[in-house]
Amino acid sequence: MNEKTVKEQLQTELANLQSIVDEVKLQMHLGAKEVQDNLQPHLEELEHELRQAKEKWEQFESSSESAWEEIQTGFSKSLKSMQQAFEKAKKHFPDQDK
């Protein structure tokens, strides 16, 4: 896998992570106080994972080709963790029964 392909894949994953955080923030804004309270811990976890992913992206930007695979693996783990946290958070979204 060349640098351009890896870079494009990581940029796409980073955009996906950001959209997950944005969706939880939107749902918190739309929800009642109880929903907000239920989502807050999930949002904090998601934002933590997003920060880690951005740090990995910065490492990738300044790394050699030999480090790409390791960074990509870490990035993929962050994405998976965020997706799991998002699934937990979705259970608390308003209007889930509609």
PDB file of N, CA and C in Angstrom:
ATOM      1  N   MET A   1       0.854  -1.172   0.000  1.00  0.00           N
ATOM      2  CA  MET A   1       0.000   0.000   0.000  1.00  0.00           C
ATOM      3  C   MET A   1       0.901   1.236   0.000  1.00  0.00           C
ATOM      4  N   ASN A   2       0.643   2.149  -0.921  1.00  0.00           N
ATOM      5  CA  ASN A   2       1.507   3.324  -1.001  1.00  0.00           C
ATOM      6  C   ASN A   2       1.032   4.431  -0.065  1.00  0.00           C
ATOM      7  N   GLU A   3       1.869   5.447   0.069  1.00  0.00           N
ATOM      8  CA  GLU A   3       1.576   6.534   1.009  1.00  0.00           C
ATOM      9  C   GLU A   3       0.257   7.219   0.677  1.00  0.00           C
ATOM     10  N   LYS A   4      -0.005   7.455  -0.604  1.00  0.00           N
ATOM     11  CA  LYS A   4      -1.234   8.163  -0.988  1.00  0.00           C
ATOM     12  C   LYS A   4      -2.474   7.366  -0.585  1.00  0.00           C
ATOM     13  N   THR A   5      -2.458   6.072  -0.829  1.00  0.00           N
ATOM     14  CA  THR A   5      -3.599   5.225  -0.490  1.00  0.00           C
ATOM     15  C   THR A   5      -3.821   5.196   1.019  1.00  0.00           C
ATOM     16  N   VAL A   6      -2.767   5.004   1.769  1.00  0.00           N
ATOM     17  CA  VAL A   6      -2.869   4.965   3.230  1.00  0.00           C
ATOM     18  C   VAL A   6      -3.362   6.316   3.730  1.00  0.00           C
ATOM     19  N   LYS A   7      -2.799   7.384   3.196  1.00  0.00           N
ATOM     20  CA  LYS A   7      -3.171   8.726   3.626  1.00  0.00           C
ATOM     21  C   LYS A   7      -4.651   8.986   3.347  1.00  0.00           C
ATOM     22  N   GLU A   8      -5.124   8.601   2.176  1.00  0.00           N
ATOM     23  CA  GLU A   8      -6.542   8.794   1.834  1.00  0.00           C
ATOM     24  C   GLU A   8      -7.438   7.976   2.755  1.00  0.00           C
ATOM     25  N   GLN A   9      -7.045   6.746   3.037  1.00  0.00           N
ATOM     26  CA  GLN A   9      -7.836   5.887   3.921  1.00  0.00           C
ATOM     27  C   GLN A   9      -7.906   6.489   5.324  1.00  0.00           C
ATOM     28  N   LEU A  10      -6.783   6.961   5.831  1.00  0.00           N
ATOM     29  CA  LEU A  10      -6.759   7.546   7.162  1.00  0.00           C
ATOM     30  C   LEU A  10      -7.565   8.841   7.221  1.00  0.00           C
ATOM     31  N   GLN A  11      -7.498   9.645   6.160  1.00  0.00           N
ATOM     32  CA  GLN A  11      -8.281  10.885   6.125  1.00  0.00           C
ATOM     33  C   GLN A  11      -9.775  10.561   6.147  1.00  0.00           C
ATOM     34  N   THR A  12     -10.185   9.536   5.407  1.00  0.00           N
ATOM     35  CA  THR A  12     -11.585   9.124   5.393  1.00  0.00           C
ATOM     36  C   THR A  12     -12.012   8.653   6.775  1.00  0.00           C
ATOM     37  N   GLU A  13     -11.177   7.847   7.415  1.00  0.00           N
ATOM     38  CA  GLU A  13     -11.499   7.352   8.751  1.00  0.00           C
ATOM     39  C   GLU A  13     -11.572   8.500   9.757  1.00  0.00           C
ATOM     40  N   LEU A  14     -10.667   9.463   9.646  1.00  0.00           N
ATOM     41  CA  LEU A  14     -10.682  10.612  10.545  1.00  0.00           C
ATOM     42  C   LEU A  14     -11.971  11.417  10.352  1.00  0.00           C
ATOM     43  N   ALA A  15     -12.387  11.591   9.107  1.00  0.00           N
ATOM     44  CA  ALA A  15     -13.649  12.299   8.832  1.00  0.00           C
ATOM     45  C   ALA A  15     -14.827  11.526   9.417  1.00  0.00           C
ATOM     46  N   ASN A  16     -14.792  10.195   9.334  1.00  0.00           N
ATOM     47  CA  ASN A  16     -15.861   9.368   9.912  1.00  0.00           C
ATOM     48  C   ASN A  16     -15.902   9.529  11.430  1.00  0.00           C
ATOM     49  N   LEU A  17     -14.744   9.556  12.055  1.00  0.00           N
ATOM     50  CA  LEU A  17     -14.684   9.731  13.505  1.00  0.00           C
ATOM     51  C   LEU A  17     -15.275  11.078  13.900  1.00  0.00           C
ATOM     52  N   GLN A  18     -14.928  12.116  13.148  1.00  0.00           N
ATOM     53  CA  GLN A  18     -15.458  13.445  13.445  1.00  0.00           C
ATOM     54  C   GLN A  18     -16.978  13.462  13.279  1.00  0.00           C
ATOM     55  N   SER A  19     -17.495  12.779  12.262  1.00  0.00           N
ATOM     56  CA  SER A  19     -18.945  12.774  12.053  1.00  0.00           C
ATOM     57  C   SER A  19     -19.669  12.025  13.170  1.00  0.00           C
ATOM     58  N   ILE A  20     -19.034  10.998  13.730  1.00  0.00           N
ATOM     59  CA  ILE A  20     -19.622  10.283  14.869  1.00  0.00           C
ATOM     60  C   ILE A  20     -19.755  11.228  16.060  1.00  0.00           C
ATOM     61  N   VAL A  21     -18.690  11.963  16.363  1.00  0.00           N
ATOM     62  CA  VAL A  21     -18.724  12.916  17.478  1.00  0.00           C
ATOM     63  C   VAL A  21     -19.785  13.977  17.212  1.00  0.00           C
ATOM     64  N   ASP A  22     -19.842  14.478  15.991  1.00  0.00           N
ATOM     65  CA  ASP A  22     -20.825  15.508  15.643  1.00  0.00           C
ATOM     66  C   ASP A  22     -22.256  15.001  15.809  1.00  0.00           C
ATOM     67  N   GLU A  23     -22.495  13.751  15.443  1.00  0.00           N
ATOM     68  CA  GLU A  23     -23.839  13.171  15.571  1.00  0.00           C
ATOM     69  C   GLU A  23     -24.252  13.073  17.039  1.00  0.00           C
ATOM     70  N   VAL A  24     -23.330  12.643  17.897  1.00  0.00           N
ATOM     71  CA  VAL A  24     -23.652  12.547  19.324  1.00  0.00           C
ATOM     72  C   VAL A  24     -23.926  13.942  19.890  1.00  0.00           C
ATOM     73  N   LYS A  25     -23.138  14.925  19.487  1.00  0.00           N
ATOM     74  CA  LYS A  25     -23.378  16.299  19.954  1.00  0.00           C
ATOM     75  C   LYS A  25     -24.749  16.793  19.499  1.00  0.00           C
ATOM     76  N   LEU A  26     -25.126  16.479  18.275  1.00  0.00           N
ATOM     77  CA  LEU A  26     -26.435  16.869  17.756  1.00  0.00           C
ATOM     78  C   LEU A  26     -27.546  16.214  18.574  1.00  0.00           C
ATOM     79  N   GLN A  27     -27.413  14.924  18.824  1.00  0.00           N
ATOM     80  CA  GLN A  27     -28.428  14.209  19.583  1.00  0.00           C
ATOM     81  C   GLN A  27     -28.521  14.748  21.005  1.00  0.00           C
ATOM     82  N   MET A  28     -27.392  15.136  21.576  1.00  0.00           N
ATOM     83  CA  MET A  28     -27.424  15.725  22.920  1.00  0.00           C
ATOM     84  C   MET A  28     -28.182  17.046  22.888  1.00  0.00           C
ATOM     85  N   HIS A  29     -27.951  17.822  21.854  1.00  0.00           N
ATOM     86  CA  HIS A  29     -28.625  19.116  21.720  1.00  0.00           C
ATOM     87  C   HIS A  29     -30.131  18.928  21.557  1.00  0.00           C
ATOM     88  N   LEU A  30     -30.531  17.899  20.814  1.00  0.00           N
ATOM     89  CA  LEU A  30     -31.949  17.643  20.547  1.00  0.00           C
ATOM     90  C   LEU A  30     -32.657  17.012  21.740  1.00  0.00           C
ATOM     91  N   GLY A  31     -31.900  16.373  22.604  1.00  0.00           N
ATOM     92  CA  GLY A  31     -32.506  15.593  23.673  1.00  0.00           C
ATOM     93  C   GLY A  31     -32.798  16.386  24.928  1.00  0.00           C
ATOM     94  N   ALA A  32     -33.587  15.779  25.765  1.00  0.00           N
ATOM     95  CA  ALA A  32     -33.911  16.342  27.077  1.00  0.00           C
ATOM     96  C   ALA A  32     -32.692  16.222  27.987  1.00  0.00           C
ATOM     97  N   LYS A  33     -32.788  16.831  29.149  1.00  0.00           N
ATOM     98  CA  LYS A  33     -31.686  16.810  30.118  1.00  0.00           C
ATOM     99  C   LYS A  33     -31.253  15.380  30.435  1.00  0.00           C
ATOM    100  N   GLU A  34     -32.197  14.487  30.578  1.00  0.00           N
ATOM    101  CA  GLU A  34     -31.876  13.086  30.876  1.00  0.00           C
ATOM    102  C   GLU A  34     -31.048  12.469  29.749  1.00  0.00           C
ATOM    103  N   VAL A  35     -31.438  12.760  28.511  1.00  0.00           N
ATOM    104  CA  VAL A  35     -30.699  12.246  27.348  1.00  0.00           C
ATOM    105  C   VAL A  35     -29.283  12.813  27.356  1.00  0.00           C
ATOM    106  N   GLN A  36     -29.181  14.098  27.626  1.00  0.00           N
ATOM    107  CA  GLN A  36     -27.866  14.739  27.663  1.00  0.00           C
ATOM    108  C   GLN A  36     -26.982  14.102  28.726  1.00  0.00           C
ATOM    109  N   ASP A  37     -27.562  13.861  29.901  1.00  0.00           N
ATOM    110  CA  ASP A  37     -26.800  13.241  30.981  1.00  0.00           C
ATOM    111  C   ASP A  37     -26.351  11.829  30.607  1.00  0.00           C
ATOM    112  N   ASN A  38     -27.221  11.088  29.907  1.00  0.00           N
ATOM    113  CA  ASN A  38     -26.878   9.724  29.487  1.00  0.00           C
ATOM    114  C   ASN A  38     -25.812   9.713  28.400  1.00  0.00           C
ATOM    115  N   LEU A  39     -25.825  10.717  27.541  1.00  0.00           N
ATOM    116  CA  LEU A  39     -24.880  10.747  26.424  1.00  0.00           C
ATOM    117  C   LEU A  39     -23.523  11.339  26.794  1.00  0.00           C
ATOM    118  N   GLN A  40     -23.469  12.172  27.827  1.00  0.00           N
ATOM    119  CA  GLN A  40     -22.226  12.872  28.165  1.00  0.00           C
ATOM    120  C   GLN A  40     -21.027  11.934  28.328  1.00  0.00           C
ATOM    121  N   PRO A  41     -21.147  10.831  29.082  1.00  0.00           N
ATOM    122  CA  PRO A  41     -19.963   9.960  29.221  1.00  0.00           C
ATOM    123  C   PRO A  41     -19.534   9.355  27.884  1.00  0.00           C
ATOM    124  N   HIS A  42     -20.499   9.047  27.034  1.00  0.00           N
ATOM    125  CA  HIS A  42     -20.178   8.488  25.719  1.00  0.00           C
ATOM    126  C   HIS A  42     -19.475   9.530  24.858  1.00  0.00           C
ATOM    127  N   LEU A  43     -19.947  10.774  24.930  1.00  0.00           N
ATOM    128  CA  LEU A  43     -19.327  11.850  24.166  1.00  0.00           C
ATOM    129  C   LEU A  43     -17.888  12.055  24.623  1.00  0.00           C
ATOM    130  N   GLU A  44     -17.670  12.014  25.927  1.00  0.00           N
ATOM    131  CA  GLU A  44     -16.306  12.185  26.442  1.00  0.00           C
ATOM    132  C   GLU A  44     -15.393  11.073  25.925  1.00  0.00           C
ATOM    133  N   GLU A  45     -15.891   9.844  25.897  1.00  0.00           N
ATOM    134  CA  GLU A  45     -15.105   8.724  25.378  1.00  0.00           C
ATOM    135  C   GLU A  45     -14.823   8.911  23.888  1.00  0.00           C
ATOM    136  N   LEU A  46     -15.838   9.331  23.143  1.00  0.00           N
ATOM    137  CA  LEU A  46     -15.671   9.549  21.707  1.00  0.00           C
ATOM    138  C   LEU A  46     -14.668  10.667  21.431  1.00  0.00           C
ATOM    139  N   GLU A  47     -14.766  11.745  22.173  1.00  0.00           N
ATOM    140  CA  GLU A  47     -13.837  12.853  21.963  1.00  0.00           C
ATOM    141  C   GLU A  47     -12.405  12.445  22.310  1.00  0.00           C
ATOM    142  N   HIS A  48     -12.249  11.607  23.335  1.00  0.00           N
ATOM    143  CA  HIS A  48     -10.923  11.088  23.694  1.00  0.00           C
ATOM    144  C   HIS A  48     -10.357  10.263  22.530  1.00  0.00           C
ATOM    145  N   GLU A  49     -11.165   9.379  21.983  1.00  0.00           N
ATOM    146  CA  GLU A  49     -10.725   8.547  20.863  1.00  0.00           C
ATOM    147  C   GLU A  49     -10.399   9.413  19.646  1.00  0.00           C
ATOM    148  N   LEU A  50     -11.206  10.442  19.412  1.00  0.00           N
ATOM    149  CA  LEU A  50     -10.957  11.336  18.279  1.00  0.00           C
ATOM    150  C   LEU A  50      -9.618  12.060  18.459  1.00  0.00           C
ATOM    151  N   ARG A  51      -9.336  12.524  19.673  1.00  0.00           N
ATOM    152  CA  ARG A  51      -8.045  13.178  19.936  1.00  0.00           C
ATOM    153  C   ARG A  51      -6.892  12.215  19.657  1.00  0.00           C
ATOM    154  N   GLN A  52      -7.045  10.964  20.092  1.00  0.00           N
ATOM    155  CA  GLN A  52      -5.991   9.973  19.844  1.00  0.00           C
ATOM    156  C   GLN A  52      -5.814   9.732  18.347  1.00  0.00           C
ATOM    157  N   ALA A  53      -6.911   9.662  17.631  1.00  0.00           N
ATOM    158  CA  ALA A  53      -6.837   9.448  16.188  1.00  0.00           C
ATOM    159  C   ALA A  53      -6.139  10.620  15.501  1.00  0.00           C
ATOM    160  N   LYS A  54      -6.443  11.832  15.950  1.00  0.00           N
ATOM    161  CA  LYS A  54      -5.789  13.009  15.362  1.00  0.00           C
ATOM    162  C   LYS A  54      -4.289  13.005  15.658  1.00  0.00           C
ATOM    163  N   GLU A  55      -3.922  12.549  16.850  1.00  0.00           N
ATOM    164  CA  GLU A  55      -2.496  12.438  17.183  1.00  0.00           C
ATOM    165  C   GLU A  55      -1.818  11.417  16.276  1.00  0.00           C
ATOM    166  N   LYS A  56      -2.487  10.303  16.033  1.00  0.00           N
ATOM    167  CA  LYS A  56      -1.933   9.288  15.137  1.00  0.00           C
ATOM    168  C   LYS A  56      -1.800   9.851  13.721  1.00  0.00           C
ATOM    169  N   TRP A  57      -2.771  10.671  13.317  1.00  0.00           N
ATOM    170  CA  TRP A  57      -2.701  11.295  11.997  1.00  0.00           C
ATOM    171  C   TRP A  57      -1.462  12.185  11.912  1.00  0.00           C
ATOM    172  N   GLU A  58      -1.220  12.960  12.956  1.00  0.00           N
ATOM    173  CA  GLU A  58      -0.045  13.836  12.962  1.00  0.00           C
ATOM    174  C   GLU A  58       1.243  13.016  12.916  1.00  0.00           C
ATOM    175  N   GLN A  59       1.250  11.878  13.606  1.00  0.00           N
ATOM    176  CA  GLN A  59       2.411  10.980  13.550  1.00  0.00           C
ATOM    177  C   GLN A  59       2.603  10.471  12.127  1.00  0.00           C
ATOM    178  N   PHE A  60       1.519  10.118  11.495  1.00  0.00           N
ATOM    179  CA  PHE A  60       1.583   9.609  10.130  1.00  0.00           C
ATOM    180  C   PHE A  60       2.167  10.663   9.196  1.00  0.00           C
ATOM    181  N   GLU A  61       1.706  11.909   9.359  1.00  0.00           N
ATOM    182  CA  GLU A  61       2.160  12.998   8.504  1.00  0.00           C
ATOM    183  C   GLU A  61       3.675  13.179   8.570  1.00  0.00           C
ATOM    184  N   SER A  62       4.255  12.897   9.724  1.00  0.00           N
ATOM    185  CA  SER A  62       5.690  13.134   9.896  1.00  0.00           C
ATOM    186  C   SER A  62       6.496  11.836   9.978  1.00  0.00           C
ATOM    187  N   SER A  63       5.896  10.726   9.589  1.00  0.00           N
ATOM    188  CA  SER A  63       6.576   9.439   9.757  1.00  0.00           C
ATOM    189  C   SER A  63       7.164   8.936   8.442  1.00  0.00           C
ATOM    190  N   SER A  64       7.996   7.939   8.590  1.00  0.00           N
ATOM    191  CA  SER A  64       8.571   7.274   7.428  1.00  0.00           C
ATOM    192  C   SER A  64       7.624   6.162   6.973  1.00  0.00           C
ATOM    193  N   GLU A  65       7.886   5.655   5.814  1.00  0.00           N
ATOM    194  CA  GLU A  65       7.040   4.600   5.246  1.00  0.00           C
ATOM    195  C   GLU A  65       6.961   3.383   6.156  1.00  0.00           C
ATOM    196  N   SER A  66       8.046   3.067   6.856  1.00  0.00           N
ATOM    197  CA  SER A  66       8.068   1.876   7.710  1.00  0.00           C
ATOM    198  C   SER A  66       7.105   1.987   8.884  1.00  0.00           C
ATOM    199  N   ALA A  67       6.746   3.201   9.266  1.00  0.00           N
ATOM    200  CA  ALA A  67       5.847   3.384  10.408  1.00  0.00           C
ATOM    201  C   ALA A  67       4.377   3.397   9.998  1.00  0.00           C
ATOM    202  N   TRP A  68       4.081   3.469   8.727  1.00  0.00           N
ATOM    203  CA  TRP A  68       2.692   3.580   8.269  1.00  0.00           C
ATOM    204  C   TRP A  68       1.800   2.476   8.789  1.00  0.00           C
ATOM    205  N   GLU A  69       2.274   1.254   8.659  1.00  0.00           N
ATOM    206  CA  GLU A  69       1.431   0.111   9.035  1.00  0.00           C
ATOM    207  C   GLU A  69       1.083   0.157  10.517  1.00  0.00           C
ATOM    208  N   GLU A  70       2.057   0.476  11.343  1.00  0.00           N
ATOM    209  CA  GLU A  70       1.821   0.552  12.789  1.00  0.00           C
ATOM    210  C   GLU A  70       0.819   1.664  13.113  1.00  0.00           C
ATOM    211  N   ILE A  71       0.991   2.813  12.492  1.00  0.00           N
ATOM    212  CA  ILE A  71       0.085   3.937  12.727  1.00  0.00           C
ATOM    213  C   ILE A  71      -1.311   3.604  12.211  1.00  0.00           C
ATOM    214  N   GLN A  72      -1.377   2.984  11.041  1.00  0.00           N
ATOM    215  CA  GLN A  72      -2.673   2.618  10.472  1.00  0.00           C
ATOM    216  C   GLN A  72      -3.393   1.630  11.377  1.00  0.00           C
ATOM    217  N   THR A  73      -2.669   0.682  11.953  1.00  0.00           N
ATOM    218  CA  THR A  73      -3.271  -0.284  12.872  1.00  0.00           C
ATOM    219  C   THR A  73      -3.835   0.428  14.096  1.00  0.00           C
ATOM    220  N   GLY A  74      -3.078   1.348  14.662  1.00  0.00           N
ATOM    221  CA  GLY A  74      -3.555   2.116  15.811  1.00  0.00           C
ATOM    222  C   GLY A  74      -4.758   2.965  15.459  1.00  0.00           C
ATOM    223  N   PHE A  75      -4.730   3.537  14.278  1.00  0.00           N
ATOM    224  CA  PHE A  75      -5.834   4.368  13.805  1.00  0.00           C
ATOM    225  C   PHE A  75      -7.099   3.524  13.669  1.00  0.00           C
ATOM    226  N   SER A  76      -6.945   2.327  13.111  1.00  0.00           N
ATOM    227  CA  SER A  76      -8.090   1.423  12.947  1.00  0.00           C
ATOM    228  C   SER A  76      -8.666   1.004  14.291  1.00  0.00           C
ATOM    229  N   LYS A  77      -7.801   0.808  15.280  1.00  0.00           N
ATOM    230  CA  LYS A  77      -8.279   0.472  16.630  1.00  0.00           C
ATOM    231  C   LYS A  77      -9.087   1.620  17.213  1.00  0.00           C
ATOM    232  N   SER A  78      -8.621   2.852  16.998  1.00  0.00           N
ATOM    233  CA  SER A  78      -9.362   4.017  17.482  1.00  0.00           C
ATOM    234  C   SER A  78     -10.728   4.088  16.825  1.00  0.00           C
ATOM    235  N   LEU A  79     -10.760   3.833  15.524  1.00  0.00           N
ATOM    236  CA  LEU A  79     -12.032   3.867  14.802  1.00  0.00           C
ATOM    237  C   LEU A  79     -12.990   2.817  15.357  1.00  0.00           C
ATOM    238  N   LYS A  80     -12.494   1.618  15.585  1.00  0.00           N
ATOM    239  CA  LYS A  80     -13.343   0.550  16.107  1.00  0.00           C
ATOM    240  C   LYS A  80     -13.857   0.903  17.500  1.00  0.00           C
ATOM    241  N   SER A  81     -12.995   1.445  18.347  1.00  0.00           N
ATOM    242  CA  SER A  81     -13.405   1.850  19.696  1.00  0.00           C
ATOM    243  C   SER A  81     -14.483   2.918  19.622  1.00  0.00           C
ATOM    244  N   MET A  82     -14.310   3.866  18.717  1.00  0.00           N
ATOM    245  CA  MET A  82     -15.303   4.936  18.585  1.00  0.00           C
ATOM    246  C   MET A  82     -16.635   4.389  18.080  1.00  0.00           C
ATOM    247  N   GLN A  83     -16.580   3.458  17.146  1.00  0.00           N
ATOM    248  CA  GLN A  83     -17.821   2.887  16.635  1.00  0.00           C
ATOM    249  C   GLN A  83     -18.562   2.140  17.741  1.00  0.00           C
ATOM    250  N   GLN A  84     -17.831   1.440  18.588  1.00  0.00           N
ATOM    251  CA  GLN A  84     -18.458   0.731  19.702  1.00  0.00           C
ATOM    252  C   GLN A  84     -19.069   1.722  20.696  1.00  0.00           C
ATOM    253  N   ALA A  85     -18.341   2.792  20.994  1.00  0.00           N
ATOM    254  CA  ALA A  85     -18.865   3.806  21.913  1.00  0.00           C
ATOM    255  C   ALA A  85     -20.088   4.484  21.314  1.00  0.00           C
ATOM    256  N   PHE A  86     -20.069   4.697  20.016  1.00  0.00           N
ATOM    257  CA  PHE A  86     -21.201   5.325  19.340  1.00  0.00           C
ATOM    258  C   PHE A  86     -22.436   4.427  19.418  1.00  0.00           C
ATOM    259  N   GLU A  87     -22.252   3.133  19.226  1.00  0.00           N
ATOM    260  CA  GLU A  87     -23.389   2.207  19.314  1.00  0.00           C
ATOM    261  C   GLU A  87     -23.998   2.251  20.714  1.00  0.00           C
ATOM    262  N   LYS A  88     -23.165   2.350  21.740  1.00  0.00           N
ATOM    263  CA  LYS A  88     -23.677   2.473  23.110  1.00  0.00           C
ATOM    264  C   LYS A  88     -24.436   3.784  23.274  1.00  0.00           C
ATOM    265  N   ALA A  89     -23.872   4.851  22.732  1.00  0.00           N
ATOM    266  CA  ALA A  89     -24.496   6.174  22.855  1.00  0.00           C
ATOM    267  C   ALA A  89     -25.826   6.222  22.118  1.00  0.00           C
ATOM    268  N   LYS A  90     -25.917   5.564  20.974  1.00  0.00           N
ATOM    269  CA  LYS A  90     -27.142   5.597  20.177  1.00  0.00           C
ATOM    270  C   LYS A  90     -28.352   5.088  20.949  1.00  0.00           C
ATOM    271  N   LYS A  91     -28.125   4.220  21.882  1.00  0.00           N
ATOM    272  CA  LYS A  91     -29.226   3.684  22.681  1.00  0.00           C
ATOM    273  C   LYS A  91     -29.915   4.775  23.489  1.00  0.00           C
ATOM    274  N   HIS A  92     -29.211   5.878  23.680  1.00  0.00           N
ATOM    275  CA  HIS A  92     -29.757   6.985  24.481  1.00  0.00           C
ATOM    276  C   HIS A  92     -30.266   8.142  23.623  1.00  0.00           C
ATOM    277  N   PHE A  93     -30.189   8.005  22.293  1.00  0.00           N
ATOM    278  CA  PHE A  93     -30.656   9.077  21.429  1.00  0.00           C
ATOM    279  C   PHE A  93     -32.161   9.268  21.595  1.00  0.00           C
ATOM    280  N   PRO A  94     -32.632  10.503  21.504  1.00  0.00           N
ATOM    281  CA  PRO A  94     -34.082  10.734  21.577  1.00  0.00           C
ATOM    282  C   PRO A  94     -34.766  10.114  20.355  1.00  0.00           C
ATOM    283  N   ASP A  95     -36.004   9.722  20.524  1.00  0.00           N
ATOM    284  CA  ASP A  95     -36.828   9.190  19.435  1.00  0.00           C
ATOM    285  C   ASP A  95     -36.300   7.906  18.825  1.00  0.00           C
ATOM    286  N   GLN A  96     -35.646   7.075  19.617  1.00  0.00           N
ATOM    287  CA  GLN A  96     -35.130   5.804  19.089  1.00  0.00           C
ATOM    288  C   GLN A  96     -36.242   4.797  18.817  1.00  0.00           C
ATOM    289  N   ASP A  97     -37.420   5.022  19.382  1.00  0.00           N
ATOM    290  CA  ASP A  97     -38.510   4.072  19.190  1.00  0.00           C
ATOM    291  C   ASP A  97     -39.372   4.400  17.982  1.00  0.00           C
ATOM    292  N   LYS A  98     -39.029   5.428  17.242  1.00  0.00           N
ATOM    293  CA  LYS A  98     -39.829   5.811  16.071  1.00  0.00           C
ATOM    294  C   LYS A  98     -39.288   5.192  14.821  1.00  0.00           C
TER     295      LYS A  98
END
